[in-house]
Amino acid sequence: DTEPEAGQTPFRVTWTITNGTKKPYDLDEFGYQAQGATTGGE
């Protein structure tokens, strides 16, 4: 496990994907990212 640097807040994002099609989804074709939303922030 990696720990956040000093002055950083760790967090986990949890999401659910539902495949409503008749074919399998290749999950490697999805991308995702989190960013700060208050003042921006990487």
Full PDB file with SEQRES, HELIX, SHEET, SSBOND, CRYST1, ORIGX, SCALE, CONECT and MASTER records, all heavy atoms in Angstrom:
SEQRES   1 A   42  ASP THR GLU PRO GLU ALA GLY GLN THR PRO PHE ARG VAL          
SEQRES   2 A   42  THR TRP THR ILE THR ASN GLY THR LYS LYS PRO TYR ASP          
SEQRES   3 A   42  LEU ASP GLU PHE GLY TYR GLN ALA GLN GLY ALA THR THR          
SEQRES   4 A   42  GLY GLY GLU                                                  
HELIX    1 AA1 LEU A   27  GLU A   29  5                                   3    
CRYST1    1.000    1.000    1.000  90.00  90.00  90.00 P 1           1          
ORIGX1      1.000000  0.000000  0.000000        0.00000                         
ORIGX2      0.000000  1.000000  0.000000        0.00000                         
ORIGX3      0.000000  0.000000  1.000000        0.00000                         
SCALE1      1.000000  0.000000  0.000000        0.00000                         
SCALE2      0.000000  1.000000  0.000000        0.00000                         
SCALE3      0.000000  0.000000  1.000000        0.00000                         
ATOM      1  N   ASP A   1       0.828  -1.207   0.000  1.00  0.00           N  
ATOM      2  CA  ASP A   1       0.000   0.000   0.000  1.00  0.00           C  
ATOM      3  C   ASP A   1       0.863   1.258   0.000  1.00  0.00           C  
ATOM      4  O   ASP A   1       1.951   1.280   0.570  1.00  0.00           O  
ATOM      5  CB  ASP A   1      -0.911   0.042   1.229  1.00  0.00           C  
ATOM      6  CG  ASP A   1      -2.020  -0.988   1.169  1.00  0.00           C  
ATOM      7  OD1 ASP A   1      -2.099  -1.726   0.171  1.00  0.00           O  
ATOM      8  OD2 ASP A   1      -2.803  -1.049   2.115  1.00  0.00           O  
ATOM      9  N   THR A   2       0.351   2.296  -0.651  1.00  0.00           N  
ATOM     10  CA  THR A   2       1.031   3.587  -0.623  1.00  0.00           C  
ATOM     11  C   THR A   2       0.248   4.528   0.283  1.00  0.00           C  
ATOM     12  O   THR A   2      -0.977   4.456   0.367  1.00  0.00           O  
ATOM     13  CB  THR A   2       1.138   4.205  -2.036  1.00  0.00           C  
ATOM     14  OG1 THR A   2      -0.156   4.264  -2.629  1.00  0.00           O  
ATOM     15  CG2 THR A   2       2.070   3.402  -2.916  1.00  0.00           C  
ATOM     16  N   GLU A   3       0.975   5.389   0.966  1.00  0.00           N  
ATOM     17  CA  GLU A   3       0.355   6.360   1.869  1.00  0.00           C  
ATOM     18  C   GLU A   3       0.405   7.739   1.219  1.00  0.00           C  
ATOM     19  O   GLU A   3       1.318   8.028   0.441  1.00  0.00           O  
ATOM     20  CB  GLU A   3       1.096   6.391   3.201  1.00  0.00           C  
ATOM     21  CG  GLU A   3       0.929   5.128   4.000  1.00  0.00           C  
ATOM     22  CD  GLU A   3       1.513   5.265   5.390  1.00  0.00           C  
ATOM     23  OE1 GLU A   3       1.497   6.381   5.947  1.00  0.00           O  
ATOM     24  OE2 GLU A   3       1.995   4.256   5.911  1.00  0.00           O  
ATOM     25  N   PRO A   4      -0.556   8.590   1.547  1.00  0.00           N  
ATOM     26  CA  PRO A   4      -0.513   9.944   0.997  1.00  0.00           C  
ATOM     27  C   PRO A   4       0.648  10.729   1.605  1.00  0.00           C  
ATOM     28  O   PRO A   4       1.100  10.435   2.710  1.00  0.00           O  
ATOM     29  CB  PRO A   4      -1.855  10.540   1.415  1.00  0.00           C  
ATOM     30  CG  PRO A   4      -2.258   9.763   2.612  1.00  0.00           C  
ATOM     31  CD  PRO A   4      -1.703   8.375   2.428  1.00  0.00           C  
ATOM     32  N   GLU A   5       1.112  11.711   0.865  1.00  0.00           N  
ATOM     33  CA  GLU A   5       2.160  12.590   1.374  1.00  0.00           C  
ATOM     34  C   GLU A   5       1.576  13.488   2.462  1.00  0.00           C  
ATOM     35  O   GLU A   5       0.345  13.614   2.579  1.00  0.00           O  
ATOM     36  CB  GLU A   5       2.713  13.434   0.224  1.00  0.00           C  
ATOM     37  CG  GLU A   5       3.436  12.616  -0.818  1.00  0.00           C  
ATOM     38  CD  GLU A   5       3.972  13.460  -1.952  1.00  0.00           C  
ATOM     39  OE1 GLU A   5       4.157  14.682  -1.777  1.00  0.00           O  
ATOM     40  OE2 GLU A   5       4.207  12.894  -3.026  1.00  0.00           O  
ATOM     41  N   ALA A   6       2.438  14.118   3.238  1.00  0.00           N  
ATOM     42  CA  ALA A   6       1.992  15.053   4.278  1.00  0.00           C  
ATOM     43  C   ALA A   6       1.155  16.156   3.625  1.00  0.00           C  
ATOM     44  O   ALA A   6       1.469  16.605   2.518  1.00  0.00           O  
ATOM     45  CB  ALA A   6       3.201  15.658   4.987  1.00  0.00           C  
ATOM     46  N   GLY A   7       0.084  16.551   4.297  1.00  0.00           N  
ATOM     47  CA  GLY A   7      -0.782  17.604   3.774  1.00  0.00           C  
ATOM     48  C   GLY A   7      -1.790  17.128   2.746  1.00  0.00           C  
ATOM     49  O   GLY A   7      -2.459  17.929   2.116  1.00  0.00           O  
ATOM     50  N   GLN A   8      -1.896  15.809   2.571  1.00  0.00           N  
ATOM     51  CA  GLN A   8      -2.828  15.224   1.609  1.00  0.00           C  
ATOM     52  C   GLN A   8      -3.921  14.455   2.346  1.00  0.00           C  
ATOM     53  O   GLN A   8      -3.665  13.842   3.372  1.00  0.00           O  
ATOM     54  CB  GLN A   8      -2.096  14.251   0.680  1.00  0.00           C  
ATOM     55  CG  GLN A   8      -0.981  14.855  -0.130  1.00  0.00           C  
ATOM     56  CD  GLN A   8      -1.469  15.354  -1.461  1.00  0.00           C  
ATOM     57  OE1 GLN A   8      -2.325  14.763  -2.100  1.00  0.00           O  
ATOM     58  NE2 GLN A   8      -0.930  16.481  -1.885  1.00  0.00           N  
ATOM     59  N   THR A   9      -5.131  14.494   1.793  1.00  0.00           N  
ATOM     60  CA  THR A   9      -6.255  13.730   2.331  1.00  0.00           C  
ATOM     61  C   THR A   9      -6.478  12.513   1.438  1.00  0.00           C  
ATOM     62  O   THR A   9      -6.724  12.661   0.238  1.00  0.00           O  
ATOM     63  CB  THR A   9      -7.544  14.583   2.339  1.00  0.00           C  
ATOM     64  OG1 THR A   9      -7.320  15.758   3.110  1.00  0.00           O  
ATOM     65  CG2 THR A   9      -8.720  13.800   2.897  1.00  0.00           C  
ATOM     66  N   PRO A  10      -6.379  11.294   1.988  1.00  0.00           N  
ATOM     67  CA  PRO A  10      -6.653  10.101   1.178  1.00  0.00           C  
ATOM     68  C   PRO A  10      -8.161   9.880   1.055  1.00  0.00           C  
ATOM     69  O   PRO A  10      -8.922  10.229   1.947  1.00  0.00           O  
ATOM     70  CB  PRO A  10      -6.015   8.977   1.986  1.00  0.00           C  
ATOM     71  CG  PRO A  10      -6.088   9.445   3.402  1.00  0.00           C  
ATOM     72  CD  PRO A  10      -5.968  10.945   3.348  1.00  0.00           C  
ATOM     73  N   PHE A  11      -8.588   9.316  -0.078  1.00  0.00           N  
ATOM     74  CA  PHE A  11      -9.998   8.979  -0.257  1.00  0.00           C  
ATOM     75  C   PHE A  11     -10.140   7.877  -1.294  1.00  0.00           C  
ATOM     76  O   PHE A  11      -9.243   7.625  -2.090  1.00  0.00           O  
ATOM     77  CB  PHE A  11     -10.830  10.211  -0.635  1.00  0.00           C  
ATOM     78  CG  PHE A  11     -10.504  10.816  -1.969  1.00  0.00           C  
ATOM     79  CD1 PHE A  11     -11.247  10.509  -3.106  1.00  0.00           C  
ATOM     80  CD2 PHE A  11      -9.462  11.725  -2.092  1.00  0.00           C  
ATOM     81  CE1 PHE A  11     -10.952  11.082  -4.328  1.00  0.00           C  
ATOM     82  CE2 PHE A  11      -9.158  12.311  -3.311  1.00  0.00           C  
ATOM     83  CZ  PHE A  11      -9.905  11.985  -4.436  1.00  0.00           C  
ATOM     84  N   ARG A  12     -11.289   7.232  -1.245  1.00  0.00           N  
ATOM     85  CA  ARG A  12     -11.632   6.154  -2.177  1.00  0.00           C  
ATOM     86  C   ARG A  12     -12.923   6.536  -2.896  1.00  0.00           C  
ATOM     87  O   ARG A  12     -13.877   6.974  -2.268  1.00  0.00           O  
ATOM     88  CB  ARG A  12     -11.839   4.849  -1.421  1.00  0.00           C  
ATOM     89  CG  ARG A  12     -12.382   3.720  -2.293  1.00  0.00           C  
ATOM     90  CD  ARG A  12     -12.531   2.438  -1.509  1.00  0.00           C  
ATOM     91  NE  ARG A  12     -11.207   1.807  -1.467  1.00  0.00           N  
ATOM     92  CZ  ARG A  12     -10.859   0.866  -0.613  1.00  0.00           C  
ATOM     93  NH1 ARG A  12     -11.706   0.444   0.294  1.00  0.00           N  
ATOM     94  NH2 ARG A  12      -9.641   0.353  -0.637  1.00  0.00           N  
ATOM     95  N   VAL A  13     -12.925   6.347  -4.204  1.00  0.00           N  
ATOM     96  CA  VAL A  13     -14.132   6.533  -4.997  1.00  0.00           C  
ATOM     97  C   VAL A  13     -14.668   5.143  -5.311  1.00  0.00           C  
ATOM     98  O   VAL A  13     -13.922   4.262  -5.729  1.00  0.00           O  
ATOM     99  CB  VAL A  13     -13.849   7.304  -6.307  1.00  0.00           C  
ATOM    100  CG1 VAL A  13     -15.099   7.414  -7.156  1.00  0.00           C  
ATOM    101  CG2 VAL A  13     -13.270   8.683  -6.008  1.00  0.00           C  
ATOM    102  N   THR A  14     -15.972   4.937  -5.105  1.00  0.00           N  
ATOM    103  CA  THR A  14     -16.632   3.667  -5.405  1.00  0.00           C  
ATOM    104  C   THR A  14     -17.742   3.934  -6.411  1.00  0.00           C  
ATOM    105  O   THR A  14     -18.512   4.867  -6.245  1.00  0.00           O  
ATOM    106  CB  THR A  14     -17.236   3.056  -4.120  1.00  0.00           C  
ATOM    107  OG1 THR A  14     -16.190   2.886  -3.157  1.00  0.00           O  
ATOM    108  CG2 THR A  14     -17.897   1.718  -4.397  1.00  0.00           C  
ATOM    109  N   TRP A  15     -17.817   3.131  -7.467  1.00  0.00           N  
ATOM    110  CA  TRP A  15     -18.861   3.292  -8.474  1.00  0.00           C  
ATOM    111  C   TRP A  15     -19.306   1.927  -8.977  1.00  0.00           C  
ATOM    112  O   TRP A  15     -18.619   0.941  -8.819  1.00  0.00           O  
ATOM    113  CB  TRP A  15     -18.377   4.171  -9.640  1.00  0.00           C  
ATOM    114  CG  TRP A  15     -17.320   3.551 -10.486  1.00  0.00           C  
ATOM    115  CD1 TRP A  15     -17.504   2.828 -11.638  1.00  0.00           C  
ATOM    116  CD2 TRP A  15     -15.908   3.572 -10.259  1.00  0.00           C  
ATOM    117  NE1 TRP A  15     -16.300   2.406 -12.124  1.00  0.00           N  
ATOM    118  CE2 TRP A  15     -15.304   2.857 -11.307  1.00  0.00           C  
ATOM    119  CE3 TRP A  15     -15.102   4.131  -9.282  1.00  0.00           C  
ATOM    120  CZ2 TRP A  15     -13.933   2.683 -11.391  1.00  0.00           C  
ATOM    121  CZ3 TRP A  15     -13.730   3.954  -9.369  1.00  0.00           C  
ATOM    122  CH2 TRP A  15     -13.160   3.247 -10.408  1.00  0.00           C  
ATOM    123  N   THR A  16     -20.496   1.912  -9.575  1.00  0.00           N  
ATOM    124  CA  THR A  16     -21.068   0.688 -10.123  1.00  0.00           C  
ATOM    125  C   THR A  16     -21.369   0.889 -11.599  1.00  0.00           C  
ATOM    126  O   THR A  16     -21.910   1.924 -11.983  1.00  0.00           O  
ATOM    127  CB  THR A  16     -22.362   0.307  -9.379  1.00  0.00           C  
ATOM    128  OG1 THR A  16     -22.050   0.110  -7.993  1.00  0.00           O  
ATOM    129  CG2 THR A  16     -22.988  -0.959  -9.940  1.00  0.00           C  
ATOM    130  N   ILE A  17     -21.008  -0.090 -12.404  1.00  0.00           N  
ATOM    131  CA  ILE A  17     -21.332  -0.099 -13.828  1.00  0.00           C  
ATOM    132  C   ILE A  17     -22.296  -1.251 -14.064  1.00  0.00           C  
ATOM    133  O   ILE A  17     -22.065  -2.363 -13.598  1.00  0.00           O  
ATOM    134  CB  ILE A  17     -20.077  -0.276 -14.698  1.00  0.00           C  
ATOM    135  CG1 ILE A  17     -19.185   0.949 -14.570  1.00  0.00           C  
ATOM    136  CG2 ILE A  17     -20.449  -0.539 -16.149  1.00  0.00           C  
ATOM    137  CD1 ILE A  17     -17.919   0.872 -15.385  1.00  0.00           C  
ATOM    138  N   THR A  18     -23.372  -0.965 -14.786  1.00  0.00           N  
ATOM    139  CA  THR A  18     -24.342  -1.990 -15.166  1.00  0.00           C  
ATOM    140  C   THR A  18     -24.304  -2.154 -16.673  1.00  0.00           C  
ATOM    141  O   THR A  18     -24.416  -1.174 -17.408  1.00  0.00           O  
ATOM    142  CB  THR A  18     -25.759  -1.595 -14.713  1.00  0.00           C  
ATOM    143  OG1 THR A  18     -25.761  -1.443 -13.292  1.00  0.00           O  
ATOM    144  CG2 THR A  18     -26.778  -2.649 -15.122  1.00  0.00           C  
ATOM    145  N   ASN A  19     -24.119  -3.371 -17.130  1.00  0.00           N  
ATOM    146  CA  ASN A  19     -24.106  -3.663 -18.556  1.00  0.00           C  
ATOM    147  C   ASN A  19     -25.525  -4.016 -18.984  1.00  0.00           C  
ATOM    148  O   ASN A  19     -25.975  -5.137 -18.790  1.00  0.00           O  
ATOM    149  CB  ASN A  19     -23.143  -4.805 -18.874  1.00  0.00           C  
ATOM    150  CG  ASN A  19     -23.059  -5.089 -20.358  1.00  0.00           C  
ATOM    151  OD1 ASN A  19     -23.838  -4.571 -21.148  1.00  0.00           O  
ATOM    152  ND2 ASN A  19     -22.113  -5.922 -20.731  1.00  0.00           N  
ATOM    153  N   GLY A  20     -26.213  -3.067 -19.577  1.00  0.00           N  
ATOM    154  CA  GLY A  20     -27.586  -3.279 -20.035  1.00  0.00           C  
ATOM    155  C   GLY A  20     -27.666  -3.721 -21.485  1.00  0.00           C  
ATOM    156  O   GLY A  20     -28.730  -3.670 -22.091  1.00  0.00           O  
ATOM    157  N   THR A  21     -26.542  -4.169 -22.048  1.00  0.00           N  
ATOM    158  CA  THR A  21     -26.538  -4.609 -23.441  1.00  0.00           C  
ATOM    159  C   THR A  21     -26.588  -6.137 -23.502  1.00  0.00           C  
ATOM    160  O   THR A  21     -26.629  -6.800 -22.466  1.00  0.00           O  
ATOM    161  CB  THR A  21     -25.266  -4.119 -24.171  1.00  0.00           C  
ATOM    162  OG1 THR A  21     -24.139  -4.866 -23.700  1.00  0.00           O  
ATOM    163  CG2 THR A  21     -25.050  -2.628 -23.953  1.00  0.00           C  
ATOM    164  N   LYS A  22     -26.524  -6.665 -24.718  1.00  0.00           N  
ATOM    165  CA  LYS A  22     -26.510  -8.112 -24.901  1.00  0.00           C  
ATOM    166  C   LYS A  22     -25.106  -8.632 -25.176  1.00  0.00           C  
ATOM    167  O   LYS A  22     -24.922  -9.799 -25.494  1.00  0.00           O  
ATOM    168  CB  LYS A  22     -27.446  -8.494 -26.041  1.00  0.00           C  
ATOM    169  CG  LYS A  22     -28.884  -8.173 -25.708  1.00  0.00           C  
ATOM    170  CD  LYS A  22     -29.834  -8.607 -26.771  1.00  0.00           C  
ATOM    171  CE  LYS A  22     -31.220  -8.155 -26.345  1.00  0.00           C  
ATOM    172  NZ  LYS A  22     -32.275  -8.921 -26.853  1.00  0.00           N  
ATOM    173  N   LYS A  23     -24.107  -7.727 -25.062  1.00  0.00           N  
ATOM    174  CA  LYS A  23     -22.716  -8.111 -25.289  1.00  0.00           C  
ATOM    175  C   LYS A  23     -21.899  -7.765 -24.048  1.00  0.00           C  
ATOM    176  O   LYS A  23     -22.215  -6.816 -23.341  1.00  0.00           O  
ATOM    177  CB  LYS A  23     -22.136  -7.338 -26.468  1.00  0.00           C  
ATOM    178  CG  LYS A  23     -22.801  -7.629 -27.790  1.00  0.00           C  
ATOM    179  CD  LYS A  23     -22.143  -6.796 -28.877  1.00  0.00           C  
ATOM    180  CE  LYS A  23     -22.810  -7.011 -30.213  1.00  0.00           C  
ATOM    181  NZ  LYS A  23     -22.196  -6.168 -31.252  1.00  0.00           N  
ATOM    182  N   PRO A  24     -20.803  -8.482 -23.807  1.00  0.00           N  
ATOM    183  CA  PRO A  24     -19.930  -8.130 -22.682  1.00  0.00           C  
ATOM    184  C   PRO A  24     -19.262  -6.775 -22.918  1.00  0.00           C  
ATOM    185  O   PRO A  24     -18.994  -6.403 -24.057  1.00  0.00           O  
ATOM    186  CB  PRO A  24     -18.881  -9.240 -22.664  1.00  0.00           C  
ATOM    187  CG  PRO A  24     -19.413 -10.319 -23.531  1.00  0.00           C  
ATOM    188  CD  PRO A  24     -20.363  -9.701 -24.501  1.00  0.00           C  
ATOM    189  N   TYR A  25     -19.022  -6.051 -21.853  1.00  0.00           N  
ATOM    190  CA  TYR A  25     -18.227  -4.817 -21.897  1.00  0.00           C  
ATOM    191  C   TYR A  25     -16.776  -5.181 -21.636  1.00  0.00           C  
ATOM    192  O   TYR A  25     -16.487  -5.920 -20.691  1.00  0.00           O  
ATOM    193  CB  TYR A  25     -18.611  -3.858 -20.767  1.00  0.00           C  
ATOM    194  CG  TYR A  25     -19.808  -2.989 -20.956  1.00  0.00           C  
ATOM    195  CD1 TYR A  25     -20.459  -2.487 -19.833  1.00  0.00           C  
ATOM    196  CD2 TYR A  25     -20.296  -2.622 -22.196  1.00  0.00           C  
ATOM    197  CE1 TYR A  25     -21.556  -1.658 -19.945  1.00  0.00           C  
ATOM    198  CE2 TYR A  25     -21.392  -1.793 -22.318  1.00  0.00           C  
ATOM    199  CZ  TYR A  25     -22.020  -1.311 -21.195  1.00  0.00           C  
ATOM    200  OH  TYR A  25     -23.098  -0.496 -21.301  1.00  0.00           O  
ATOM    201  N   ASP A  26     -15.883  -4.612 -22.410  1.00  0.00           N  
ATOM    202  CA  ASP A  26     -14.459  -4.693 -22.107  1.00  0.00           C  
ATOM    203  C   ASP A  26     -14.165  -3.507 -21.191  1.00  0.00           C  
ATOM    204  O   ASP A  26     -14.160  -2.357 -21.631  1.00  0.00           O  
ATOM    205  CB  ASP A  26     -13.628  -4.605 -23.382  1.00  0.00           C  
ATOM    206  CG  ASP A  26     -12.131  -4.671 -23.119  1.00  0.00           C  
ATOM    207  OD1 ASP A  26     -11.719  -4.679 -21.939  1.00  0.00           O  
ATOM    208  OD2 ASP A  26     -11.378  -4.712 -24.110  1.00  0.00           O  
ATOM    209  N   LEU A  27     -13.980  -3.765 -19.916  1.00  0.00           N  
ATOM    210  CA  LEU A  27     -13.813  -2.693 -18.937  1.00  0.00           C  
ATOM    211  C   LEU A  27     -12.529  -1.890 -19.138  1.00  0.00           C  
ATOM    212  O   LEU A  27     -12.424  -0.769 -18.644  1.00  0.00           O  
ATOM    213  CB  LEU A  27     -13.879  -3.259 -17.522  1.00  0.00           C  
ATOM    214  CG  LEU A  27     -15.236  -3.859 -17.160  1.00  0.00           C  
ATOM    215  CD1 LEU A  27     -15.162  -4.517 -15.793  1.00  0.00           C  
ATOM    216  CD2 LEU A  27     -16.343  -2.818 -17.204  1.00  0.00           C  
ATOM    217  N   ASP A  28     -11.581  -2.439 -19.893  1.00  0.00           N  
ATOM    218  CA  ASP A  28     -10.356  -1.698 -20.173  1.00  0.00           C  
ATOM    219  C   ASP A  28     -10.604  -0.538 -21.137  1.00  0.00           C  
ATOM    220  O   ASP A  28      -9.721   0.290 -21.349  1.00  0.00           O  
ATOM    221  CB  ASP A  28      -9.283  -2.629 -20.730  1.00  0.00           C  
ATOM    222  CG  ASP A  28      -8.831  -3.646 -19.698  1.00  0.00           C  
ATOM    223  OD1 ASP A  28      -8.916  -3.348 -18.490  1.00  0.00           O  
ATOM    224  OD2 ASP A  28      -8.397  -4.743 -20.101  1.00  0.00           O  
ATOM    225  N   GLU A  29     -11.794  -0.468 -21.733  1.00  0.00           N  
ATOM    226  CA  GLU A  29     -12.126   0.616 -22.649  1.00  0.00           C  
ATOM    227  C   GLU A  29     -12.817   1.787 -21.934  1.00  0.00           C  
ATOM    228  O   GLU A  29     -13.274   2.721 -22.569  1.00  0.00           O  
ATOM    229  CB  GLU A  29     -12.983   0.093 -23.796  1.00  0.00           C  
ATOM    230  CG  GLU A  29     -12.173  -0.850 -24.674  1.00  0.00           C  
ATOM    231  CD  GLU A  29     -12.944  -1.436 -25.819  1.00  0.00           C  
ATOM    232  OE1 GLU A  29     -14.190  -1.385 -25.822  1.00  0.00           O  
ATOM    233  OE2 GLU A  29     -12.292  -1.950 -26.736  1.00  0.00           O  
ATOM    234  N   PHE A  30     -12.885   1.724 -20.618  1.00  0.00           N  
ATOM    235  CA  PHE A  30     -13.405   2.824 -19.818  1.00  0.00           C  
ATOM    236  C   PHE A  30     -12.223   3.517 -19.147  1.00  0.00           C  
ATOM    237  O   PHE A  30     -11.262   2.873 -18.735  1.00  0.00           O  
ATOM    238  CB  PHE A  30     -14.356   2.323 -18.724  1.00  0.00           C  
ATOM    239  CG  PHE A  30     -15.689   1.889 -19.236  1.00  0.00           C  
ATOM    240  CD1 PHE A  30     -15.879   0.607 -19.732  1.00  0.00           C  
ATOM    241  CD2 PHE A  30     -16.766   2.756 -19.212  1.00  0.00           C  
ATOM    242  CE1 PHE A  30     -17.110   0.198 -20.191  1.00  0.00           C  
ATOM    243  CE2 PHE A  30     -18.002   2.356 -19.674  1.00  0.00           C  
ATOM    244  CZ  PHE A  30     -18.176   1.078 -20.172  1.00  0.00           C  
ATOM    245  N   GLY A  31     -12.306   4.823 -19.024  1.00  0.00           N  
ATOM    246  CA  GLY A  31     -11.304   5.578 -18.297  1.00  0.00           C  
ATOM    247  C   GLY A  31     -11.988   6.369 -17.200  1.00  0.00           C  
ATOM    248  O   GLY A  31     -13.182   6.681 -17.301  1.00  0.00           O  
ATOM    249  N   TYR A  32     -11.266   6.701 -16.165  1.00  0.00           N  
ATOM    250  CA  TYR A  32     -11.853   7.459 -15.061  1.00  0.00           C  
ATOM    251  C   TYR A  32     -10.775   8.266 -14.370  1.00  0.00           C  
ATOM    252  O   TYR A  32      -9.595   7.931 -14.427  1.00  0.00           O  
ATOM    253  CB  TYR A  32     -12.553   6.526 -14.070  1.00  0.00           C  
ATOM    254  CG  TYR A  32     -11.706   5.376 -13.617  1.00  0.00           C  
ATOM    255  CD1 TYR A  32     -10.890   5.485 -12.499  1.00  0.00           C  
ATOM    256  CD2 TYR A  32     -11.709   4.168 -14.312  1.00  0.00           C  
ATOM    257  CE1 TYR A  32     -10.105   4.415 -12.085  1.00  0.00           C  
ATOM    258  CE2 TYR A  32     -10.926   3.105 -13.904  1.00  0.00           C  
ATOM    259  CZ  TYR A  32     -10.129   3.236 -12.795  1.00  0.00           C  
ATOM    260  OH  TYR A  32      -9.341   2.195 -12.385  1.00  0.00           O  
ATOM    261  N   GLN A  33     -11.207   9.362 -13.751  1.00  0.00           N  
ATOM    262  CA  GLN A  33     -10.270  10.193 -13.004  1.00  0.00           C  
ATOM    263  C   GLN A  33     -11.017  11.016 -11.965  1.00  0.00           C  
ATOM    264  O   GLN A  33     -12.198  11.296 -12.118  1.00  0.00           O  
ATOM    265  CB  GLN A  33      -9.487  11.116 -13.926  1.00  0.00           C  
ATOM    266  CG  GLN A  33     -10.305  12.229 -14.530  1.00  0.00           C  
ATOM    267  CD  GLN A  33      -9.425  13.236 -15.266  1.00  0.00           C  
ATOM    268  OE1 GLN A  33      -8.234  13.057 -15.408  1.00  0.00           O  
ATOM    269  NE2 GLN A  33     -10.020  14.296 -15.718  1.00  0.00           N  
ATOM    270  N   ALA A  34     -10.310  11.369 -10.921  1.00  0.00           N  
ATOM    271  CA  ALA A  34     -10.842  12.236  -9.871  1.00  0.00           C  
ATOM    272  C   ALA A  34      -9.997  13.498  -9.828  1.00  0.00           C  
ATOM    273  O   ALA A  34      -8.783  13.437 -10.039  1.00  0.00           O  
ATOM    274  CB  ALA A  34     -10.812  11.527  -8.518  1.00  0.00           C  
ATOM    275  N   GLN A  35     -10.656  14.613  -9.554  1.00  0.00           N  
ATOM    276  CA  GLN A  35      -9.978  15.901  -9.407  1.00  0.00           C  
ATOM    277  C   GLN A  35     -10.619  16.640  -8.248  1.00  0.00           C  
ATOM    278  O   GLN A  35     -11.779  16.386  -7.915  1.00  0.00           O  
ATOM    279  CB  GLN A  35     -10.157  16.765 -10.650  1.00  0.00           C  
ATOM    280  CG  GLN A  35      -9.697  16.154 -11.929  1.00  0.00           C  
ATOM    281  CD  GLN A  35     -10.107  17.021 -13.108  1.00  0.00           C  
ATOM    282  OE1 GLN A  35     -11.182  17.602 -13.128  1.00  0.00           O  
ATOM    283  NE2 GLN A  35      -9.243  17.103 -14.093  1.00  0.00           N  
ATOM    284  N   GLY A  36      -9.887  17.588  -7.711  1.00  0.00           N  
ATOM    285  CA  GLY A  36     -10.474  18.456  -6.699  1.00  0.00           C  
ATOM    286  C   GLY A  36     -11.544  19.325  -7.331  1.00  0.00           C  
ATOM    287  O   GLY A  36     -11.397  19.784  -8.464  1.00  0.00           O  
ATOM    288  N   ALA A  37     -12.650  19.545  -6.627  1.00  0.00           N  
ATOM    289  CA  ALA A  37     -13.753  20.321  -7.180  1.00  0.00           C  
ATOM    290  C   ALA A  37     -13.971  21.644  -6.452  1.00  0.00           C  
ATOM    291  O   ALA A  37     -14.728  22.474  -6.919  1.00  0.00           O  
ATOM    292  CB  ALA A  37     -15.047  19.495  -7.141  1.00  0.00           C  
ATOM    293  N   THR A  38     -13.324  21.855  -5.321  1.00  0.00           N  
ATOM    294  CA  THR A  38     -13.515  23.087  -4.557  1.00  0.00           C  
ATOM    295  C   THR A  38     -12.734  24.223  -5.196  1.00  0.00           C  
ATOM    296  O   THR A  38     -13.285  25.238  -5.600  1.00  0.00           O  
ATOM    297  CB  THR A  38     -13.056  22.903  -3.096  1.00  0.00           C  
ATOM    298  OG1 THR A  38     -13.771  21.801  -2.536  1.00  0.00           O  
ATOM    299  CG2 THR A  38     -13.340  24.141  -2.279  1.00  0.00           C  
ATOM    300  N   THR A  39     -11.410  24.046  -5.294  1.00  0.00           N  
ATOM    301  CA  THR A  39     -10.538  25.060  -5.895  1.00  0.00           C  
ATOM    302  C   THR A  39      -9.749  24.448  -7.039  1.00  0.00           C  
ATOM    303  O   THR A  39      -8.727  24.990  -7.444  1.00  0.00           O  
ATOM    304  CB  THR A  39      -9.550  25.616  -4.852  1.00  0.00           C  
ATOM    305  OG1 THR A  39      -8.752  24.534  -4.369  1.00  0.00           O  
ATOM    306  CG2 THR A  39     -10.256  26.279  -3.703  1.00  0.00           C  
ATOM    307  N   GLY A  40     -10.206  23.332  -7.542  1.00  0.00           N  
ATOM    308  CA  GLY A  40      -9.411  22.571  -8.496  1.00  0.00           C  
ATOM    309  C   GLY A  40      -8.517  21.650  -7.708  1.00  0.00           C  
ATOM    310  O   GLY A  40      -8.809  21.301  -6.578  1.00  0.00           O  
ATOM    311  N   GLY A  41      -7.434  21.298  -8.265  1.00  0.00           N  
ATOM    312  CA  GLY A  41      -6.501  20.452  -7.541  1.00  0.00           C  
ATOM    313  C   GLY A  41      -6.335  19.106  -8.202  1.00  0.00           C  
ATOM    314  O   GLY A  41      -7.303  18.472  -8.586  1.00  0.00           O  
ATOM    315  N   GLU A  42      -5.101  18.720  -8.355  1.00  0.00           N  
ATOM    316  CA  GLU A  42      -4.777  17.453  -8.967  1.00  0.00           C  
ATOM    317  C   GLU A  42      -4.681  16.382  -7.893  1.00  0.00           C  
ATOM    318  O   GLU A  42      -4.117  16.610  -6.828  1.00  0.00           O  
ATOM    319  CB  GLU A  42      -3.432  17.583  -9.689  1.00  0.00           C  
ATOM    320  CG  GLU A  42      -3.101  16.404 -10.541  1.00  0.00           C  
ATOM    321  CD  GLU A  42      -1.852  16.649 -11.374  1.00  0.00           C  
ATOM    322  OE1 GLU A  42      -1.633  17.784 -11.812  1.00  0.00           O  
ATOM    323  OE2 GLU A  42      -1.095  15.679 -11.553  1.00  0.00           O  
TER     324      GLU A  42                                                      
MASTER        0    0    0    1    0    0    0    6  323    1    0    4          
END                                                                             
